[in-house]
Amino acid sequence: MLLQPPTATALSSEANLLDLNHFVLVTPTSKSRLPLVHAQRQFRAGIRTYTLVESVELADELNNAPESQLFRETYSYYPDRGQAAGSAHIKPGAKIGDNRWMAAPFLAHQYYTSINSPYRWMLFGDDDTVFFLNGMLKLLRPFDHTLPYWVGDHITDWWARFEAKKKIFIRPSELGLSCLPCHSIQAGKILNEKYKGTVLEAYNFNGCPCTRVKACARRVAMCATFPEYAKDPELCSMHDLHHDSARFLHPHKLLRIRDSPILNSAPREEVQSMCDHSWPMGGVGWALSVAMMETVVWNETIKAYIDGYDRDGWSHHAGDWALSLMFNELGFSTTVPDYAPLMAGELLSHNHTVFLSFDESPIVQRPLLHLKGTAQGCKSSAVTFGPDQQEHCKWLVQHAVSAHMGVGHPPFNGSIPMALKMMGSMARSHKAALRMLGEPNAHVIRNMTKFLVLERGGDSYF
């Protein structure tokens, strides 16, 4: 049964004014990758930052560094996988820092709560995820941080193409479990009009908050309405839509949701659904409201799940997959920006994603070249925009929320020095592009040159 229209509204403009003090940035990393975290100071100056490393000695050393106080940085530690008591055996190819990635948002929330340092939004991603504060302020300003929001737009699903007999990642997935923000009423009406004559004409696309059951209802309606979905993807198979959701719980049954002590105020009555879970790609970053983080209580149950999640063949799943699984089993799904429906009439559109991957979005690499017309294409896999392409490039520069460098992948292939050089170039170009476009928030990227020169082997990267 479809949910009723939302009753909550966006906060008043006065109550929802955002500044940098309303944000915290959370980054899990390791000693060898710390230069990536420090290089991001040019993007995040002024924001409180919580970073998890692998040892208490390293955390203490970093907390005592003068630069840490200047940049409002706090360091704490969480051991590598396999090092914590009771953790799973590490299998070949496993990422030993994935448990630290999953623990980071909970420990950060616990820390800021314990020192009475309130925030509204937590920006969370990899240690090579760059957040563009101008775009983040634009995106989150109308959101109500008192609702449990989990915001992202690289919504990923695992689709099995039967003819290939193998699973592939699809992102952004049109069938991904997601909703529009509570306040985006006009965007919802656009989608209702698009689906006129189908069951989706009366569907409420807005989530206040976005629950798994609500998002699943849209997927079921899509599968029932459009043959192109029902014929092929596993996501629309009867097996997927009617499975016992308990089979997707942790093998050691640590997430028996209805009786679990980890919930504070999650929508327990709406936990169970018949859809496999979706997840927003963790590398491009998430925005988590303080209400979302207040919903789940950090305790030994969550810790045991995080430290042991790859037992019994789970080692091929990354931290974002496993943490999203937990959020989904708690009853939540992802809220997506309303840019795609307002501009393209789609709930999700690759051309209007704003949580970006570096390799697929040339516009974040060299924004000035695109704005000046000396480079072609804002996105590597975007459709041809014709005369409007330049305007689309401008829009992306103004609204991009993040860029995942993907240091382990081409063109960097693990080269941290190469990634540092590109981050420095990207910071300068992005700042200049915002100024060229007359953006009022261009000043949030501050000039801290004295502290942004990182020396390694005699080479300066900024």
Foldseek 3Di string as FASTA:
>chain_A
DFDDADPDAFDDLVVLQDDQLQEEEWEEDEPVQVLLLLLLCLQNQPHAYEYEYADQVVQVVVVPDPVCVNRNYHYDYDHWFPPDPLFADADPPFDRCQLVLLCTVLVVLVVCVVVVRHHFKYWGFYSQKHFHVLQVSVQCSRADLLFWAKEFAQKWDWWQFPVVRHTDIDTPDLLAQEAAASHPQVLLCLLLVVPPPFPSVPHHRHDSPRWNANSLVVNQRCLVPDVVNVVGTPQNDPCQQAPFLCVLDQPVPLCPPLPHPFFDDFPSVQLDGRHDHIFRDRLLIIMTTSNNSVGTHDDPSVSSCSRYRCPPNNSVDGSRVSSRSSVSNSTHGHHYGSVCSVPPVGPHDPLPGQSEECVFAVCLQAVVCLLVPNDDDRGNPDDDPPPCRNVSSLVNLSNRGMYRDPCCDPPNVVPSLVSLLSSVNSSVRSLVSCVVVVPPPSCSSDDPPVSNFDDDPRDTSD
